[in-house]
C-alpha atoms as a PDB file:
ATOM      1  CA  MET A   1     -37.240  70.197   6.821  1.00  0.00           C
ATOM      2  CA  SER A   2     -36.038  72.233   9.800  1.00  0.00           C
ATOM      3  CA  ARG A   3     -36.860  69.429  12.213  1.00  0.00           C
ATOM      4  CA  LEU A   4     -34.436  67.193  10.366  1.00  0.00           C
ATOM      5  CA  LEU A   5     -31.512  69.523  10.156  1.00  0.00           C
ATOM      6  CA  THR A   6     -31.042  69.914  13.880  1.00  0.00           C
ATOM      7  CA  ARG A   7     -29.095  66.685  14.387  1.00  0.00           C
ATOM      8  CA  ARG A   8     -25.330  66.357  13.914  1.00  0.00           C
ATOM      9  CA  SER A   9     -23.488  63.314  12.628  1.00  0.00           C
ATOM     10  CA  ARG A  10     -26.507  61.893  10.875  1.00  0.00           C
ATOM     11  CA  VAL A  11     -27.638  61.156   7.340  1.00  0.00           C
ATOM     12  CA  ARG A  12     -31.251  62.001   6.709  1.00  0.00           C
ATOM     13  CA  ALA A  13     -33.574  60.294   4.272  1.00  0.00           C
ATOM     14  CA  VAL A  14     -36.340  61.539   1.984  1.00  0.00           C
ATOM     15  CA  ALA A  15     -39.080  59.200   0.781  1.00  0.00           C
ATOM     16  CA  ALA A  16     -41.794  59.222  -1.920  1.00  0.00           C
ATOM     17  CA  PRO A  17     -44.520  56.724  -3.168  1.00  0.00           C
ATOM     18  CA  ALA A  18     -46.506  57.181  -6.434  1.00  0.00           C
ATOM     19  CA  LEU A  19     -49.975  57.558  -8.012  1.00  0.00           C
ATOM     20  CA  ALA A  20     -50.253  59.076  -4.602  1.00  0.00           C
ATOM     21  CA  THR A  21     -46.609  59.898  -4.187  1.00  0.00           C
ATOM     22  CA  VAL A  22     -45.074  60.806  -0.858  1.00  0.00           C
ATOM     23  CA  LEU A  23     -41.650  62.220  -0.178  1.00  0.00           C
ATOM     24  CA  ALA A  24     -40.175  62.086   3.335  1.00  0.00           C
ATOM     25  CA  VAL A  25     -36.976  63.003   5.134  1.00  0.00           C
ATOM     26  CA  GLY A  26     -35.200  60.724   7.620  1.00  0.00           C
ATOM     27  CA  VAL A  27     -31.841  60.616   9.410  1.00  0.00           C
ATOM     28  CA  LEU A  28     -29.194  57.921   8.859  1.00  0.00           C
ATOM     29  CA  ALA A  29     -27.162  57.185  11.973  1.00  0.00           C
ATOM     30  CA  GLY A  30     -23.416  57.575  12.161  1.00  0.00           C
ATOM     31  CA  CYS A  31     -22.949  58.523   8.518  1.00  0.00           C
ATOM     32  CA  SER A  32     -21.854  62.116   8.840  1.00  0.00           C
ATOM     33  CA  GLY A  33     -19.246  62.610   6.196  1.00  0.00           C
ATOM     34  CA  SER A  34     -18.764  64.406   2.902  1.00  0.00           C
ATOM     35  CA  GLY A  35     -15.939  66.318   4.540  1.00  0.00           C
ATOM     36  CA  SER A  36     -18.356  68.623   6.394  1.00  0.00           C
ATOM     37  CA  ASP A  37     -17.620  70.196   9.794  1.00  0.00           C
ATOM     38  CA  ASP A  38     -19.872  70.114  12.850  1.00  0.00           C
ATOM     39  CA  ASN A  39     -21.749  73.230  11.754  1.00  0.00           C
ATOM     40  CA  THR A  40     -22.453  72.092   8.201  1.00  0.00           C
ATOM     41  CA  VAL A  41     -25.322  69.799   7.244  1.00  0.00           C
ATOM     42  CA  THR A  42     -25.088  68.062   3.872  1.00  0.00           C
ATOM     43  CA  MET A  43     -28.194  66.791   2.115  1.00  0.00           C
ATOM     44  CA  TRP A  44     -28.285  64.571  -0.955  1.00  0.00           C
ATOM     45  CA  THR A  45     -31.304  64.898  -3.204  1.00  0.00           C
ATOM     46  CA  TYR A  46     -32.312  63.895  -6.732  1.00  0.00           C
ATOM     47  CA  PRO A  47     -33.985  65.724  -9.632  1.00  0.00           C
ATOM     48  CA  VAL A  48     -37.590  66.219  -8.550  1.00  0.00           C
ATOM     49  CA  ILE A  49     -37.629  69.561 -10.361  1.00  0.00           C
ATOM     50  CA  PHE A  50     -36.034  68.767 -13.694  1.00  0.00           C
ATOM     51  CA  ASP A  51     -35.388  72.372 -14.710  1.00  0.00           C
ATOM     52  CA  GLU A  52     -31.901  72.892 -13.275  1.00  0.00           C
ATOM     53  CA  ALA A  53     -32.360  76.610 -12.629  1.00  0.00           C
ATOM     54  CA  LYS A  54     -35.717  76.092 -10.883  1.00  0.00           C
ATOM     55  CA  ASN A  55     -34.305  73.198  -8.874  1.00  0.00           C
ATOM     56  CA  LYS A  56     -31.431  75.358  -7.635  1.00  0.00           C
ATOM     57  CA  ALA A  57     -33.720  78.278  -6.842  1.00  0.00           C
ATOM     58  CA  TYR A  58     -36.045  76.012  -4.860  1.00  0.00           C
ATOM     59  CA  TRP A  59     -33.331  74.535  -2.659  1.00  0.00           C
ATOM     60  CA  ASP A  60     -31.503  77.844  -2.284  1.00  0.00           C
ATOM     61  CA  GLY A  61     -34.714  79.345  -0.917  1.00  0.00           C
ATOM     62  CA  LEU A  62     -35.198  76.548   1.624  1.00  0.00           C
ATOM     63  CA  VAL A  63     -31.574  76.692   2.705  1.00  0.00           C
ATOM     64  CA  LYS A  64     -31.662  80.454   3.167  1.00  0.00           C
ATOM     65  CA  ALA A  65     -34.805  80.247   5.305  1.00  0.00           C
ATOM     66  CA  PHE A  66     -33.387  77.423   7.411  1.00  0.00           C
ATOM     67  CA  GLU A  67     -30.045  79.106   8.011  1.00  0.00           C
ATOM     68  CA  LYS A  68     -31.845  82.280   9.042  1.00  0.00           C
ATOM     69  CA  GLU A  69     -33.853  80.335  11.612  1.00  0.00           C
ATOM     70  CA  HIS A  70     -30.854  78.325  12.850  1.00  0.00           C
ATOM     71  CA  SER A  71     -27.973  80.729  13.324  1.00  0.00           C
ATOM     72  CA  GLY A  72     -24.532  79.204  12.916  1.00  0.00           C
ATOM     73  CA  VAL A  73     -25.688  76.195  10.879  1.00  0.00           C
ATOM     74  CA  LYS A  74     -24.733  75.910   7.226  1.00  0.00           C
ATOM     75  CA  VAL A  75     -26.627  73.679   4.797  1.00  0.00           C
ATOM     76  CA  LYS A  76     -25.185  72.175   1.638  1.00  0.00           C
ATOM     77  CA  VAL A  77     -27.619  70.559  -0.831  1.00  0.00           C
ATOM     78  CA  GLU A  78     -26.144  68.297  -3.519  1.00  0.00           C
ATOM     79  CA  THR A  79     -28.248  66.987  -6.426  1.00  0.00           C
ATOM     80  CA  PHE A  80     -27.350  63.580  -7.852  1.00  0.00           C
ATOM     81  CA  PRO A  81     -28.798  61.574 -10.784  1.00  0.00           C
ATOM     82  CA  TRP A  82     -31.478  58.974 -10.084  1.00  0.00           C
ATOM     83  CA  ALA A  83     -29.474  56.307 -11.909  1.00  0.00           C
ATOM     84  CA  ASN A  84     -27.374  54.084  -9.593  1.00  0.00           C
ATOM     85  CA  ARG A  85     -28.449  56.139  -6.574  1.00  0.00           C
ATOM     86  CA  ASP A  86     -28.576  53.108  -4.260  1.00  0.00           C
ATOM     87  CA  THR A  87     -25.080  52.003  -5.171  1.00  0.00           C
ATOM     88  CA  ALA A  88     -23.666  55.475  -4.623  1.00  0.00           C
ATOM     89  CA  LEU A  89     -25.474  55.978  -1.304  1.00  0.00           C
ATOM     90  CA  ALA A  90     -24.667  52.528   0.085  1.00  0.00           C
ATOM     91  CA  THR A  91     -21.004  52.964  -0.822  1.00  0.00           C
ATOM     92  CA  ALA A  92     -20.877  56.408   0.813  1.00  0.00           C
ATOM     93  CA  ILE A  93     -22.528  55.149   4.008  1.00  0.00           C
ATOM     94  CA  ALA A  94     -20.203  52.141   4.229  1.00  0.00           C
ATOM     95  CA  SER A  95     -17.159  54.377   3.920  1.00  0.00           C
ATOM     96  CA  GLY A  96     -18.439  56.932   6.434  1.00  0.00           C
ATOM     97  CA  LYS A  97     -18.727  59.610   3.763  1.00  0.00           C
ATOM     98  CA  GLY A  98     -22.484  59.726   3.426  1.00  0.00           C
ATOM     99  CA  PRO A  99     -24.589  62.886   3.709  1.00  0.00           C
ATOM    100  CA  ASP A 100     -26.332  64.081   6.858  1.00  0.00           C
ATOM    101  CA  ALA A 101     -29.695  63.916   5.081  1.00  0.00           C
ATOM    102  CA  VAL A 102     -30.851  62.127   1.958  1.00  0.00           C
ATOM    103  CA  TYR A 103     -33.998  62.015  -0.169  1.00  0.00           C
ATOM    104  CA  LEU A 104     -35.408  58.493  -0.364  1.00  0.00           C
ATOM    105  CA  ILE A 105     -38.651  57.030  -1.633  1.00  0.00           C
ATOM    106  CA  PRO A 106     -40.607  54.729   0.721  1.00  0.00           C
ATOM    107  CA  ASP A 107     -39.576  51.480  -0.950  1.00  0.00           C
ATOM    108  CA  GLN A 108     -35.921  52.337  -0.228  1.00  0.00           C
ATOM    109  CA  LEU A 109     -36.451  52.907   3.495  1.00  0.00           C
ATOM    110  CA  PRO A 110     -36.365  49.245   4.643  1.00  0.00           C
ATOM    111  CA  LYS A 111     -33.003  48.790   2.934  1.00  0.00           C
ATOM    112  CA  TYR A 112     -31.468  51.560   5.028  1.00  0.00           C
ATOM    113  CA  ALA A 113     -33.496  50.943   8.194  1.00  0.00           C
ATOM    114  CA  ARG A 114     -30.426  49.956  10.234  1.00  0.00           C
ATOM    115  CA  SER A 115     -28.720  53.214   9.349  1.00  0.00           C
ATOM    116  CA  ILE A 116     -31.672  55.561   9.778  1.00  0.00           C
ATOM    117  CA  VAL A 117     -32.383  57.416  12.992  1.00  0.00           C
ATOM    118  CA  PRO A 118     -36.193  57.105  13.267  1.00  0.00           C
ATOM    119  CA  ALA A 119     -38.015  60.368  12.777  1.00  0.00           C
ATOM    120  CA  ASP A 120     -39.954  59.495  15.927  1.00  0.00           C
ATOM    121  CA  GLU A 121     -36.844  60.495  17.910  1.00  0.00           C
ATOM    122  CA  TYR A 122     -36.911  64.111  16.789  1.00  0.00           C
ATOM    123  CA  MET A 123     -40.438  64.730  15.477  1.00  0.00           C
ATOM    124  CA  PRO A 124     -42.813  66.019  18.212  1.00  0.00           C
ATOM    125  CA  ALA A 125     -46.161  64.285  18.526  1.00  0.00           C
ATOM    126  CA  ASP A 126     -48.009  67.445  17.547  1.00  0.00           C
ATOM    127  CA  ALA A 127     -45.973  67.594  14.335  1.00  0.00           C
ATOM    128  CA  LYS A 128     -47.347  64.209  13.279  1.00  0.00           C
ATOM    129  CA  SER A 129     -50.833  65.672  13.223  1.00  0.00           C
ATOM    130  CA  ASP A 130     -49.704  67.820  10.295  1.00  0.00           C
ATOM    131  CA  TYR A 131     -49.505  64.719   8.097  1.00  0.00           C
ATOM    132  CA  THR A 132     -52.154  62.510   6.576  1.00  0.00           C
ATOM    133  CA  ASP A 133     -52.288  58.914   7.808  1.00  0.00           C
ATOM    134  CA  PHE A 134     -51.284  57.792   4.321  1.00  0.00           C
ATOM    135  CA  ALA A 135     -48.149  59.931   4.310  1.00  0.00           C
ATOM    136  CA  LEU A 136     -46.945  58.674   7.688  1.00  0.00           C
ATOM    137  CA  LYS A 137     -47.799  55.052   6.885  1.00  0.00           C
ATOM    138  CA  SER A 138     -45.727  55.225   3.704  1.00  0.00           C
ATOM    139  CA  VAL A 139     -42.572  56.026   5.693  1.00  0.00           C
ATOM    140  CA  THR A 140     -43.226  53.713   8.650  1.00  0.00           C
ATOM    141  CA  TYR A 141     -41.240  50.502   8.999  1.00  0.00           C
ATOM    142  CA  ASP A 142     -41.291  48.078  11.921  1.00  0.00           C
ATOM    143  CA  GLY A 143     -43.590  50.411  13.813  1.00  0.00           C
ATOM    144  CA  LYS A 144     -41.414  53.513  13.492  1.00  0.00           C
ATOM    145  CA  ALA A 145     -41.542  56.476  11.108  1.00  0.00           C
ATOM    146  CA  LEU A 146     -38.140  56.462   9.439  1.00  0.00           C
ATOM    147  CA  GLY A 147     -38.634  59.799   7.712  1.00  0.00           C
ATOM    148  CA  THR A 148     -40.750  62.925   7.742  1.00  0.00           C
ATOM    149  CA  PRO A 149     -42.949  63.369   4.635  1.00  0.00           C
ATOM    150  CA  VAL A 150     -42.198  66.550   2.716  1.00  0.00           C
ATOM    151  CA  LEU A 151     -43.969  65.970  -0.595  1.00  0.00           C
ATOM    152  CA  THR A 152     -47.068  64.206  -1.835  1.00  0.00           C
ATOM    153  CA  SER A 153     -48.626  64.155  -5.291  1.00  0.00           C
ATOM    154  CA  ALA A 154     -51.095  62.212  -7.405  1.00  0.00           C
ATOM    155  CA  ASN A 155     -50.706  61.153 -11.023  1.00  0.00           C
ATOM    156  CA  PRO A 156     -54.057  60.306 -12.616  1.00  0.00           C
ATOM    157  CA  LEU A 157     -54.462  59.035 -16.151  1.00  0.00           C
ATOM    158  CA  ILE A 158     -54.646  62.021 -18.501  1.00  0.00           C
ATOM    159  CA  CYS A 159     -55.635  61.903 -22.172  1.00  0.00           C
ATOM    160  CA  ASP A 160     -54.944  64.107 -25.199  1.00  0.00           C
ATOM    161  CA  LYS A 161     -58.321  65.242 -26.527  1.00  0.00           C
ATOM    162  CA  ARG A 162     -56.840  65.897 -29.995  1.00  0.00           C
ATOM    163  CA  VAL A 163     -55.841  62.248 -30.390  1.00  0.00           C
ATOM    164  CA  PHE A 164     -59.333  61.039 -29.530  1.00  0.00           C
ATOM    165  CA  GLU A 165     -60.851  63.495 -31.985  1.00  0.00           C
ATOM    166  CA  ALA A 166     -58.453  62.240 -34.666  1.00  0.00           C
ATOM    167  CA  ILE A 167     -59.748  58.665 -34.347  1.00  0.00           C
ATOM    168  CA  GLY A 168     -63.371  59.728 -33.883  1.00  0.00           C
ATOM    169  CA  GLU A 169     -63.592  58.491 -30.297  1.00  0.00           C
ATOM    170  CA  LYS A 170     -65.726  60.501 -27.875  1.00  0.00           C
ATOM    171  CA  SER A 171     -65.314  58.498 -24.658  1.00  0.00           C
ATOM    172  CA  TYR A 172     -62.178  58.109 -22.570  1.00  0.00           C
ATOM    173  CA  PRO A 173     -60.831  54.921 -20.971  1.00  0.00           C
ATOM    174  CA  THR A 174     -61.573  54.282 -17.304  1.00  0.00           C
ATOM    175  CA  SER A 175     -59.927  50.857 -17.034  1.00  0.00           C
ATOM    176  CA  TRP A 176     -56.994  48.843 -18.343  1.00  0.00           C
ATOM    177  CA  ALA A 177     -59.337  46.873 -20.594  1.00  0.00           C
ATOM    178  CA  GLU A 178     -60.829  49.995 -22.158  1.00  0.00           C
ATOM    179  CA  LEU A 179     -57.406  51.454 -22.907  1.00  0.00           C
ATOM    180  CA  GLU A 180     -56.251  48.156 -24.400  1.00  0.00           C
ATOM    181  CA  ALA A 181     -59.402  47.958 -26.528  1.00  0.00           C
ATOM    182  CA  LEU A 182     -58.611  51.359 -28.068  1.00  0.00           C
ATOM    183  CA  ALA A 183     -54.964  50.500 -28.689  1.00  0.00           C
ATOM    184  CA  PRO A 184     -55.297  48.744 -32.106  1.00  0.00           C
ATOM    185  CA  GLU A 185     -57.274  51.627 -33.636  1.00  0.00           C
ATOM    186  CA  LEU A 186     -54.832  54.150 -32.202  1.00  0.00           C
ATOM    187  CA  LYS A 187     -51.886  52.206 -33.595  1.00  0.00           C
ATOM    188  CA  LYS A 188     -53.561  51.996 -37.018  1.00  0.00           C
ATOM    189  CA  LYS A 189     -53.878  55.799 -37.066  1.00  0.00           C
ATOM    190  CA  GLY A 190     -50.265  56.341 -35.980  1.00  0.00           C
ATOM    191  CA  TYR A 191     -50.756  56.880 -32.241  1.00  0.00           C
ATOM    192  CA  TYR A 192     -49.567  55.120 -29.107  1.00  0.00           C
ATOM    193  CA  ALA A 193     -52.161  54.118 -26.533  1.00  0.00           C
ATOM    194  CA  THR A 194     -49.912  55.241 -23.698  1.00  0.00           C
ATOM    195  CA  SER A 195     -46.327  55.950 -22.677  1.00  0.00           C
ATOM    196  CA  TYR A 196     -44.169  54.031 -20.236  1.00  0.00           C
ATOM    197  CA  SER A 197     -40.791  55.084 -18.851  1.00  0.00           C
ATOM    198  CA  GLY A 198     -38.787  51.995 -17.925  1.00  0.00           C
ATOM    199  CA  ASP A 199     -35.346  53.575 -17.756  1.00  0.00           C
ATOM    200  CA  THR A 200     -33.607  53.079 -14.398  1.00  0.00           C
ATOM    201  CA  GLN A 201     -33.325  56.860 -14.049  1.00  0.00           C
ATOM    202  CA  GLN A 202     -37.062  56.850 -13.380  1.00  0.00           C
ATOM    203  CA  THR A 203     -38.583  55.978 -10.011  1.00  0.00           C
ATOM    204  CA  LEU A 204     -40.831  52.930  -9.948  1.00  0.00           C
ATOM    205  CA  ASN A 205     -43.227  54.936  -7.811  1.00  0.00           C
ATOM    206  CA  MET A 206     -44.167  56.915 -10.900  1.00  0.00           C
ATOM    207  CA  THR A 207     -43.927  54.114 -13.450  1.00  0.00           C
ATOM    208  CA  PHE A 208     -44.598  50.487 -12.496  1.00  0.00           C
ATOM    209  CA  TYR A 209     -46.000  50.782  -8.975  1.00  0.00           C
ATOM    210  CA  PRO A 210     -49.213  52.563 -10.042  1.00  0.00           C
ATOM    211  CA  LEU A 211     -50.018  49.491 -12.165  1.00  0.00           C
ATOM    212  CA  LEU A 212     -49.060  47.194  -9.297  1.00  0.00           C
ATOM    213  CA  TRP A 213     -51.346  49.060  -6.898  1.00  0.00           C
ATOM    214  CA  GLN A 214     -54.220  49.127  -9.405  1.00  0.00           C
ATOM    215  CA  ALA A 215     -53.852  45.367  -9.781  1.00  0.00           C
ATOM    216  CA  GLY A 216     -54.392  45.066  -6.037  1.00  0.00           C
ATOM    217  CA  GLY A 217     -50.774  44.456  -5.112  1.00  0.00           C
ATOM    218  CA  ASP A 218     -48.120  46.216  -3.081  1.00  0.00           C
ATOM    219  CA  VAL A 219     -44.341  46.438  -2.929  1.00  0.00           C
ATOM    220  CA  PHE A 220     -43.951  45.002   0.582  1.00  0.00           C
ATOM    221  CA  SER A 221     -46.016  42.829   2.893  1.00  0.00           C
ATOM    222  CA  GLU A 222     -47.968  44.470   5.715  1.00  0.00           C
ATOM    223  CA  ASP A 223     -45.177  43.775   8.212  1.00  0.00           C
ATOM    224  CA  GLY A 224     -42.581  45.142   5.783  1.00  0.00           C
ATOM    225  CA  LYS A 225     -40.425  42.029   6.097  1.00  0.00           C
ATOM    226  CA  GLN A 226     -40.765  40.652   2.583  1.00  0.00           C
ATOM    227  CA  VAL A 227     -41.431  41.867  -0.925  1.00  0.00           C
ATOM    228  CA  THR A 228     -44.787  41.163  -2.545  1.00  0.00           C
ATOM    229  CA  PHE A 229     -44.418  42.840  -5.928  1.00  0.00           C
ATOM    230  CA  ASN A 230     -43.738  39.393  -7.403  1.00  0.00           C
ATOM    231  CA  ASP A 231     -47.076  37.901  -6.366  1.00  0.00           C
ATOM    232  CA  ALA A 232     -50.123  37.389  -8.607  1.00  0.00           C
ATOM    233  CA  ALA A 233     -50.938  41.120  -8.746  1.00  0.00           C
ATOM    234  CA  GLY A 234     -47.381  41.913  -9.790  1.00  0.00           C
ATOM    235  CA  VAL A 235     -47.491  39.300 -12.542  1.00  0.00           C
ATOM    236  CA  LYS A 236     -50.814  40.694 -13.734  1.00  0.00           C
ATOM    237  CA  ALA A 237     -49.444  44.254 -13.907  1.00  0.00           C
ATOM    238  CA  LEU A 238     -46.227  43.228 -15.634  1.00  0.00           C
ATOM    239  CA  THR A 239     -48.083  41.031 -18.122  1.00  0.00           C
ATOM    240  CA  TYR A 240     -50.337  43.952 -19.078  1.00  0.00           C
ATOM    241  CA  LEU A 241     -47.346  46.238 -19.453  1.00  0.00           C
ATOM    242  CA  LYS A 242     -45.443  43.674 -21.534  1.00  0.00           C
ATOM    243  CA  LYS A 243     -48.392  43.365 -23.908  1.00  0.00           C
ATOM    244  CA  LEU A 244     -48.423  47.131 -24.434  1.00  0.00           C
ATOM    245  CA  VAL A 245     -44.726  47.023 -25.318  1.00  0.00           C
ATOM    246  CA  ASP A 246     -44.782  43.845 -27.414  1.00  0.00           C
ATOM    247  CA  ASP A 247     -47.786  44.976 -29.473  1.00  0.00           C
ATOM    248  CA  GLY A 248     -46.333  48.427 -30.129  1.00  0.00           C
ATOM    249  CA  TYR A 249     -48.978  50.259 -28.112  1.00  0.00           C
ATOM    250  CA  THR A 250     -46.282  52.260 -26.301  1.00  0.00           C
ATOM    251  CA  ASP A 251     -42.960  53.659 -27.496  1.00  0.00           C
ATOM    252  CA  LYS A 252     -40.356  50.923 -26.971  1.00  0.00           C
ATOM    253  CA  ASP A 253     -37.482  53.410 -26.859  1.00  0.00           C
ATOM    254  CA  LEU A 254     -38.803  54.908 -23.626  1.00  0.00           C
ATOM    255  CA  VAL A 255     -38.461  51.547 -21.898  1.00  0.00           C
ATOM    256  CA  THR A 256     -34.680  51.995 -21.851  1.00  0.00           C
ATOM    257  CA  THR A 257     -34.027  55.714 -22.410  1.00  0.00           C
ATOM    258  CA  THR A 258     -35.162  59.030 -20.940  1.00  0.00           C
ATOM    259  CA  PRO A 259     -35.115  61.833 -23.522  1.00  0.00           C
ATOM    260  CA  LYS A 260     -36.292  65.327 -22.663  1.00  0.00           C
ATOM    261  CA  LEU A 261     -40.091  65.513 -22.615  1.00  0.00           C
ATOM    262  CA  GLU A 262     -40.217  67.761 -25.670  1.00  0.00           C
ATOM    263  CA  GLN A 263     -38.525  64.991 -27.677  1.00  0.00           C
ATOM    264  CA  THR A 264     -41.058  62.292 -26.775  1.00  0.00           C
ATOM    265  CA  PRO A 265     -44.193  61.125 -28.600  1.00  0.00           C
ATOM    266  CA  THR A 266     -46.226  62.506 -25.689  1.00  0.00           C
ATOM    267  CA  ALA A 267     -45.088  66.056 -26.398  1.00  0.00           C
ATOM    268  CA  LYS A 268     -45.486  65.508 -30.143  1.00  0.00           C
ATOM    269  CA  GLY A 269     -49.167  64.630 -29.766  1.00  0.00           C
ATOM    270  CA  LYS A 270     -48.707  60.955 -30.594  1.00  0.00           C
ATOM    271  CA  VAL A 271     -49.837  59.463 -27.270  1.00  0.00           C
ATOM    272  CA  ALA A 272     -53.499  59.022 -26.333  1.00  0.00           C
ATOM    273  CA  CYS A 273     -53.205  58.734 -22.543  1.00  0.00           C
ATOM    274  CA  THR A 274     -50.490  58.645 -19.898  1.00  0.00           C
ATOM    275  CA  TRP A 275     -50.042  58.422 -16.133  1.00  0.00           C
ATOM    276  CA  GLN A 276     -46.309  59.166 -16.500  1.00  0.00           C
ATOM    277  CA  ASN A 277     -46.784  62.937 -16.661  1.00  0.00           C
ATOM    278  CA  THR A 278     -48.826  65.516 -14.795  1.00  0.00           C
ATOM    279  CA  PRO A 279     -51.186  67.971 -16.503  1.00  0.00           C
ATOM    280  CA  ALA A 280     -48.630  70.719 -15.820  1.00  0.00           C
ATOM    281  CA  ASP A 281     -46.007  68.700 -17.727  1.00  0.00           C
ATOM    282  CA  VAL A 282     -48.043  68.351 -20.911  1.00  0.00           C
ATOM    283  CA  GLU A 283     -50.007  71.614 -20.898  1.00  0.00           C
ATOM    284  CA  PRO A 284     -47.307  73.479 -22.915  1.00  0.00           C
ATOM    285  CA  PHE A 285     -47.591  70.797 -25.630  1.00  0.00           C
ATOM    286  CA  TRP A 286     -51.245  69.745 -25.468  1.00  0.00           C
ATOM    287  CA  GLY A 287     -52.769  73.113 -24.758  1.00  0.00           C
END
């Protein structure tokens, strides 16, 4: 993060992909705004840590460490909702009131490419060796790294052992077909096969894109100049997802709303498997 906060009059970007999710930070050119002076750097981020107190403590710790290392520089971190984030950011940039740094996910980077100062301009070559090839590739557009990765994670399919015991099933699904085959029996016993969060507050990196990638597709073409999520692989993934929803194998309410986790069927022990949550998310409820 410190490598990003050394530039004035810039908006930085943060990026993240899913199933293997990457977060990166980049700089948007000529967007210094938010009413900050030359010694104040403003960063816009979004709820990655959903516990408000923990989120504040995390960023406060980073800010304190950075300001100690860079005397005279003040950092202001503002957390915004995921919903309508593109509209808010694009409007701020257009009016010259954007932040100096902003958290973006990789699929957003091409949209802001003209405004982003490539990370290559301020990231030393030896710093790049700190990252995996996957992380750097996820934030590279038109041959340039537009951001510096700061977070990566993986969301595998996890299953609630209690649900499988309740239906007398001893094996766990390892493919779409196997999960779909279990779905009718699960539904008959009052369980959902899986959960799917379709609300726009959620990032597609953690919801739809894992299915797209598993189907063999990708969001953009290799050259990054056109979208490919609407090709055959995208249709295959969306068709599978639609069947889960239409047949009642996943909670339809979650397609349009985002309640707190403790209020969802997943937390209530009514979902067999999910890739929408990490083991740490469900451990308090599943044991």
